[in-house]
Amino acid sequence: RVGPGEDYKIAWIFTRSALPVEVIQEFDTWRRIRDSDGTVGWVFQSLLSGKRTAVVATWGGNDPRPLHSSAASDSSITAYLQPGVMGQLDRCHQGWCKISSTQYSGWIPQDQLWGTYQGEDVN
């Protein structure tokens, strides 16, 4: 919605669940959110989940990003993820994040993800 209430016009509708969003403002039971494209709007708080997800960065080109077996650049590569691929954010520590889905699990540099702040520890 364009504002915090049902009287405001619907700006867009997410058609995919669990997309990562950043809460940038709160008003009563409404949350103003920003998505990975930078689009901003208001949603009712019950439509949000505390489950963390992240999207592989779309900045820096369209080349696939390596997913590592451990939090080290010299560890073996378990998969390559296309920019825009989403996964569950399992944890982040010292600049690396473990992400997973039903098809993959591994570590990627934190600066290659949207859905976590740089330097943020996620447990």
Protein backbone atom coordinates (compact mmCIF):
# COMPACT_ATOMS: atom_id res chain seq x y z
CA ARG A 1 0.00 0.00 0.00
CA VAL A 2 1.04 3.58 -0.46
CA GLY A 3 0.24 4.38 3.19
CA PRO A 4 -0.25 2.67 6.57
CA GLY A 5 -3.90 1.61 6.42
CA GLU A 6 -6.55 -0.19 4.40
CA ASP A 7 -7.87 3.13 3.08
CA TYR A 8 -4.66 3.58 1.09
CA LYS A 9 -4.34 2.31 -2.47
CA ILE A 10 -2.58 -1.00 -3.11
CA ALA A 11 0.73 -0.16 -4.78
CA TRP A 12 1.74 -3.71 -5.75
CA ILE A 13 1.28 -7.33 -4.68
CA PHE A 14 4.09 -9.77 -3.96
CA THR A 15 3.39 -13.04 -5.77
CA ARG A 16 6.27 -14.97 -4.19
CA SER A 17 6.42 -15.75 -0.49
CA ALA A 18 9.41 -15.37 1.84
CA LEU A 19 11.14 -12.61 -0.14
CA PRO A 20 13.55 -10.66 2.05
CA VAL A 21 12.43 -7.14 2.91
CA GLU A 22 13.84 -4.44 5.15
CA VAL A 23 11.49 -2.79 7.65
CA ILE A 24 12.28 0.92 7.45
CA GLN A 25 9.39 2.39 9.44
CA GLU A 26 6.62 1.30 11.82
CA PHE A 27 3.19 2.83 12.39
CA ASP A 28 0.75 1.02 14.68
CA THR A 29 0.30 -2.44 13.10
CA TRP A 30 1.73 -1.39 9.72
CA ARG A 31 5.32 -1.70 8.50
CA ARG A 32 6.95 0.30 5.73
CA ILE A 33 9.25 -2.05 3.84
CA ARG A 34 11.86 -1.91 1.09
CA ASP A 35 12.56 -4.86 -1.19
CA SER A 36 15.79 -5.80 -2.97
CA ASP A 37 14.84 -3.64 -5.97
CA GLY A 38 14.43 -0.58 -3.72
CA THR A 39 10.64 -0.50 -4.02
CA VAL A 40 8.97 0.87 -0.88
CA GLY A 41 5.45 0.29 0.45
CA TRP A 42 3.36 -0.49 3.53
CA VAL A 43 2.18 -3.95 4.67
CA PHE A 44 0.19 -5.20 7.63
CA GLN A 45 2.61 -6.64 10.22
CA SER A 46 1.00 -10.10 10.26
CA LEU A 47 2.02 -10.55 6.60
CA LEU A 48 5.69 -10.47 7.61
CA SER A 49 7.70 -13.35 9.02
CA GLY A 50 10.73 -13.33 11.28
CA LYS A 51 12.32 -16.03 9.11
CA ARG A 52 15.43 -14.61 7.44
CA THR A 53 16.01 -15.02 3.74
CA ALA A 54 18.49 -13.41 1.35
CA VAL A 55 18.86 -12.84 -2.37
CA VAL A 56 22.12 -13.28 -4.27
CA ALA A 57 23.30 -9.81 -5.31
CA THR A 58 22.18 -8.48 -8.66
CA TRP A 59 24.82 -5.73 -8.60
CA GLY A 60 28.28 -6.42 -9.93
CA GLY A 61 27.21 -8.22 -13.09
CA ASN A 62 25.25 -11.30 -14.06
CA ASP A 63 27.98 -13.86 -13.42
CA PRO A 64 27.04 -16.75 -11.11
CA ARG A 65 28.41 -16.46 -7.57
CA PRO A 66 30.30 -19.42 -6.05
CA LEU A 67 28.80 -21.13 -3.01
CA HIS A 68 31.52 -22.57 -0.77
CA SER A 69 31.60 -25.61 1.52
CA SER A 70 32.90 -23.48 4.41
CA ALA A 71 33.36 -19.81 5.28
CA ALA A 72 36.64 -19.44 3.39
CA SER A 73 37.39 -18.37 -0.18
CA ASP A 74 39.82 -21.28 -0.62
CA SER A 75 37.22 -23.91 0.36
CA SER A 76 35.67 -26.14 -2.28
CA ILE A 77 32.84 -24.73 -4.39
CA THR A 78 29.60 -26.67 -3.97
CA ALA A 79 27.44 -24.72 -6.44
CA TYR A 80 27.17 -21.54 -8.47
CA LEU A 81 24.18 -19.31 -7.77
CA GLN A 82 22.70 -16.91 -10.29
CA PRO A 83 22.05 -13.32 -9.18
CA GLY A 84 18.49 -13.06 -7.85
CA VAL A 85 18.40 -16.59 -6.41
CA MET A 86 16.80 -16.63 -2.96
CA GLY A 87 17.70 -18.84 -0.02
CA GLN A 88 17.15 -19.21 3.70
CA LEU A 89 19.69 -17.22 5.68
CA ASP A 90 20.96 -19.75 8.22
CA ARG A 91 23.75 -17.70 9.79
CA CYS A 92 26.32 -14.97 9.15
CA HIS A 93 29.65 -14.50 10.88
CA GLN A 94 32.81 -12.55 10.04
CA GLY A 95 31.69 -11.55 6.56
CA TRP A 96 30.36 -14.93 5.45
CA CYS A 97 26.77 -16.22 5.38
CA LYS A 98 25.43 -19.74 5.19
CA ILE A 99 22.39 -19.93 2.93
CA SER A 100 20.32 -22.93 1.92
CA SER A 101 17.32 -24.19 0.02
CA THR A 102 16.10 -27.62 -0.99
CA GLN A 103 18.69 -27.65 -3.81
CA TYR A 104 21.80 -26.22 -2.14
CA SER A 105 23.54 -25.27 1.09
CA GLY A 106 26.79 -23.44 1.57
CA TRP A 107 28.67 -20.26 2.37
CA ILE A 108 28.85 -17.02 0.39
CA PRO A 109 30.52 -13.69 1.18
CA GLN A 110 28.08 -11.41 2.99
CA ASP A 111 28.65 -8.59 0.48
CA GLN A 112 27.19 -10.85 -2.24
CA LEU A 113 23.75 -10.95 -0.57
CA TRP A 114 20.79 -8.62 -0.14
CA GLY A 115 18.90 -9.31 3.07
CA THR A 116 21.64 -8.87 5.64
CA TYR A 117 23.61 -5.84 6.75
CA GLN A 118 27.37 -5.81 6.24
CA GLY A 119 29.06 -6.99 9.42
CA GLU A 120 25.79 -8.29 10.89
CA ASP A 121 26.01 -11.54 12.82
CA VAL A 122 23.01 -13.80 12.24
CA ASN A 123 22.54 -16.91 14.38
